[in-house]
C-alpha atoms as a PDB file:
ATOM      1  CA  MET A   1      90.635 120.897 139.118  1.00  0.00           C
ATOM      2  CA  THR A   2      89.144 118.314 136.760  1.00  0.00           C
ATOM      3  CA  ASN A   3      91.545 116.049 134.869  1.00  0.00           C
ATOM      4  CA  LEU A   4      90.570 114.966 131.350  1.00  0.00           C
ATOM      5  CA  TYR A   5      92.046 112.558 128.816  1.00  0.00           C
ATOM      6  CA  ILE A   6      90.997 113.737 125.347  1.00  0.00           C
ATOM      7  CA  GLN A   7      91.520 111.472 122.372  1.00  0.00           C
ATOM      8  CA  VAL A   8      91.283 113.348 119.077  1.00  0.00           C
ATOM      9  CA  LEU A   9      90.103 111.355 116.074  1.00  0.00           C
ATOM     10  CA  LYS A  10      88.781 112.350 112.666  1.00  0.00           C
ATOM     11  CA  ASN A  11      85.787 114.558 113.465  1.00  0.00           C
ATOM     12  CA  LYS A  12      85.410 113.120 116.954  1.00  0.00           C
ATOM     13  CA  PHE A  13      86.581 113.607 120.532  1.00  0.00           C
ATOM     14  CA  ILE A  14      86.563 110.795 123.079  1.00  0.00           C
ATOM     15  CA  ILE A  15      86.857 112.270 126.556  1.00  0.00           C
ATOM     16  CA  GLN A  16      87.467 110.508 129.844  1.00  0.00           C
ATOM     17  CA  ILE A  17      87.183 112.208 133.218  1.00  0.00           C
ATOM     18  CA  LEU A  18      90.192 110.892 135.116  1.00  0.00           C
ATOM     19  CA  ASP A  19      89.105 111.915 138.599  1.00  0.00           C
ATOM     20  CA  ASN A  20      86.202 109.641 139.334  1.00  0.00           C
ATOM     21  CA  ASN A  21      85.434 107.059 136.682  1.00  0.00           C
ATOM     22  CA  GLU A  22      86.687 105.095 133.741  1.00  0.00           C
ATOM     23  CA  SER A  23      83.802 105.852 131.384  1.00  0.00           C
ATOM     24  CA  ARG A  24      84.394 107.712 128.153  1.00  0.00           C
ATOM     25  CA  GLU A  25      82.044 109.957 126.251  1.00  0.00           C
ATOM     26  CA  ILE A  26      82.084 110.611 122.526  1.00  0.00           C
ATOM     27  CA  PHE A  27      81.497 114.110 121.180  1.00  0.00           C
ATOM     28  CA  LEU A  28      80.812 114.813 117.509  1.00  0.00           C
ATOM     29  CA  PRO A  29      81.042 118.284 115.973  1.00  0.00           C
ATOM     30  CA  GLU A  30      78.185 120.057 114.240  1.00  0.00           C
ATOM     31  CA  LYS A  31      80.596 120.735 111.374  1.00  0.00           C
ATOM     32  CA  ASN A  32      83.559 118.534 110.410  1.00  0.00           C
ATOM     33  CA  PHE A  33      86.907 119.762 111.713  1.00  0.00           C
ATOM     34  CA  THR A  34      89.162 117.235 109.981  1.00  0.00           C
ATOM     35  CA  THR A  35      90.450 118.043 106.512  1.00  0.00           C
ATOM     36  CA  LYS A  36      92.218 115.876 103.978  1.00  0.00           C
ATOM     37  CA  ARG A  37      95.641 116.859 105.363  1.00  0.00           C
ATOM     38  CA  LEU A  38      95.033 117.851 108.993  1.00  0.00           C
ATOM     39  CA  LEU A  39      93.346 116.159 111.925  1.00  0.00           C
ATOM     40  CA  VAL A  40      92.240 119.620 113.069  1.00  0.00           C
ATOM     41  CA  GLY A  41      92.005 121.646 109.888  1.00  0.00           C
ATOM     42  CA  ASN A  42      88.916 123.660 110.842  1.00  0.00           C
ATOM     43  CA  PHE A  43      89.873 125.118 114.198  1.00  0.00           C
ATOM     44  CA  SER A  44      86.598 126.897 114.946  1.00  0.00           C
ATOM     45  CA  ALA A  45      84.514 123.738 114.432  1.00  0.00           C
ATOM     46  CA  ALA A  46      86.834 121.728 116.705  1.00  0.00           C
ATOM     47  CA  GLN A  47      86.903 124.501 119.294  1.00  0.00           C
ATOM     48  CA  ASP A  48      83.109 124.737 119.359  1.00  0.00           C
ATOM     49  CA  CYS A  49      82.734 120.981 119.863  1.00  0.00           C
ATOM     50  CA  LEU A  50      85.456 120.700 122.516  1.00  0.00           C
ATOM     51  CA  SER A  51      84.232 123.777 124.414  1.00  0.00           C
ATOM     52  CA  LYS A  52      80.717 122.342 124.618  1.00  0.00           C
ATOM     53  CA  ALA A  53      82.099 118.972 125.718  1.00  0.00           C
ATOM     54  CA  ILE A  54      84.244 120.435 128.492  1.00  0.00           C
ATOM     55  CA  LYS A  55      81.407 122.694 129.604  1.00  0.00           C
ATOM     56  CA  ARG A  56      79.191 119.625 129.932  1.00  0.00           C
ATOM     57  CA  LEU A  57      81.770 117.457 131.721  1.00  0.00           C
ATOM     58  CA  VAL A  58      83.500 119.906 134.058  1.00  0.00           C
ATOM     59  CA  PRO A  59      81.348 120.807 137.064  1.00  0.00           C
ATOM     60  CA  LYS A  60      80.511 124.394 137.806  1.00  0.00           C
ATOM     61  CA  LYS A  61      81.491 126.076 141.053  1.00  0.00           C
ATOM     62  CA  LEU A  62      79.261 128.697 142.603  1.00  0.00           C
ATOM     63  CA  PHE A  63      79.706 131.254 139.819  1.00  0.00           C
ATOM     64  CA  THR A  64      82.472 129.919 137.615  1.00  0.00           C
ATOM     65  CA  ARG A  65      83.397 126.656 135.984  1.00  0.00           C
ATOM     66  CA  LYS A  66      86.157 124.584 137.573  1.00  0.00           C
ATOM     67  CA  LYS A  67      89.438 124.495 135.714  1.00  0.00           C
ATOM     68  CA  ALA A  68      90.547 121.503 133.662  1.00  0.00           C
ATOM     69  CA  ALA A  69      93.937 119.899 133.118  1.00  0.00           C
ATOM     70  CA  VAL A  70      94.006 117.772 129.984  1.00  0.00           C
ATOM     71  CA  VAL A  71      96.034 115.263 128.055  1.00  0.00           C
ATOM     72  CA  MET A  72      95.468 115.810 124.323  1.00  0.00           C
ATOM     73  CA  HIS A  73      96.093 112.623 122.357  1.00  0.00           C
ATOM     74  CA  PRO A  74      95.831 112.695 118.552  1.00  0.00           C
ATOM     75  CA  MET A  75      94.901 109.143 117.588  1.00  0.00           C
ATOM     76  CA  GLU A  76      95.202 109.521 113.813  1.00  0.00           C
ATOM     77  CA  MET A  77      97.094 111.468 111.171  1.00  0.00           C
ATOM     78  CA  TYR A  78     100.322 111.954 113.134  1.00  0.00           C
ATOM     79  CA  GLU A  79     102.595 109.638 111.176  1.00  0.00           C
ATOM     80  CA  GLY A  80     106.172 110.811 111.539  1.00  0.00           C
ATOM     81  CA  GLY A  81     105.296 112.871 114.607  1.00  0.00           C
ATOM     82  CA  LEU A  82     103.500 116.143 115.066  1.00  0.00           C
ATOM     83  CA  SER A  83     104.757 119.297 113.429  1.00  0.00           C
ATOM     84  CA  GLU A  84     105.203 122.432 115.505  1.00  0.00           C
ATOM     85  CA  VAL A  85     102.019 123.792 113.911  1.00  0.00           C
ATOM     86  CA  GLU A  86     100.019 120.668 114.822  1.00  0.00           C
ATOM     87  CA  GLU A  87     101.283 120.803 118.405  1.00  0.00           C
ATOM     88  CA  ARG A  88     100.269 124.434 118.640  1.00  0.00           C
ATOM     89  CA  ILE A  89      96.821 123.698 117.213  1.00  0.00           C
ATOM     90  CA  LEU A  90      96.187 120.987 119.818  1.00  0.00           C
ATOM     91  CA  ASN A  91      97.504 123.126 122.684  1.00  0.00           C
ATOM     92  CA  GLU A  92      95.529 126.170 121.601  1.00  0.00           C
ATOM     93  CA  LEU A  93      92.413 124.062 121.092  1.00  0.00           C
ATOM     94  CA  ALA A  94      92.590 122.779 124.677  1.00  0.00           C
ATOM     95  CA  PHE A  95      93.369 126.192 126.187  1.00  0.00           C
ATOM     96  CA  SER A  96      90.623 127.934 124.237  1.00  0.00           C
ATOM     97  CA  ALA A  97      88.134 125.285 125.398  1.00  0.00           C
ATOM     98  CA  GLY A  98      88.918 125.955 129.061  1.00  0.00           C
ATOM     99  CA  ALA A  99      92.038 123.986 130.002  1.00  0.00           C
ATOM    100  CA  ILE A 100      94.661 125.573 132.235  1.00  0.00           C
ATOM    101  CA  LYS A 101      97.240 122.795 131.792  1.00  0.00           C
ATOM    102  CA  VAL A 102      97.832 120.732 128.657  1.00  0.00           C
ATOM    103  CA  ALA A 103     100.042 117.734 127.973  1.00  0.00           C
ATOM    104  CA  LEU A 104     100.372 116.332 124.452  1.00  0.00           C
ATOM    105  CA  HIS A 105     100.781 112.609 123.887  1.00  0.00           C
ATOM    106  CA  THR A 106     101.338 110.539 120.760  1.00  0.00           C
ATOM    107  CA  GLY A 107     101.592 106.785 120.702  1.00  0.00           C
ATOM    108  CA  ALA A 108      99.673 104.028 122.413  1.00  0.00           C
ATOM    109  CA  THR A 109      96.425 104.660 124.231  1.00  0.00           C
ATOM    110  CA  LEU A 110      97.004 105.654 127.849  1.00  0.00           C
ATOM    111  CA  THR A 111      95.426 104.068 130.873  1.00  0.00           C
ATOM    112  CA  ALA A 112      93.713 106.441 133.292  1.00  0.00           C
ATOM    113  CA  LYS A 113      96.676 106.065 135.643  1.00  0.00           C
ATOM    114  CA  GLU A 114      99.184 106.922 132.886  1.00  0.00           C
ATOM    115  CA  ALA A 115      97.140 109.963 131.820  1.00  0.00           C
ATOM    116  CA  ARG A 116      96.916 111.205 135.435  1.00  0.00           C
ATOM    117  CA  HIS A 117     100.702 110.797 135.708  1.00  0.00           C
ATOM    118  CA  LYS A 118     101.238 112.950 132.578  1.00  0.00           C
ATOM    119  CA  ILE A 119      99.084 115.693 134.088  1.00  0.00           C
ATOM    120  CA  LYS A 120     100.863 115.441 137.434  1.00  0.00           C
ATOM    121  CA  ASP A 121     104.202 115.999 135.656  1.00  0.00           C
ATOM    122  CA  LEU A 122     103.052 119.338 134.171  1.00  0.00           C
END
């Protein structure tokens, strides 16, 4: 299983593979997914971008892609906490892009060790 730390920003994903390195890659959507009121207001645009990113980062086994466990971390537009709808959007976004385990995190940026710990606790 590949472990990923995904930071969600306005029209951008920053993804770190937690298993083997500390480097982060930035992925930009073909079409904006952030709206005036929601970090992920255009689900299909966000899903397309995240699916392509995970497909590129997660190695393929013989015939199928390895599974991914992810920490989804909204970095903006969560003042006052996430609503149930926003939590569901982020969970569904990760699952539809290929994750089999998802942890949500709000607050300070996580270290790789902290993100791995969140995944381990799932």
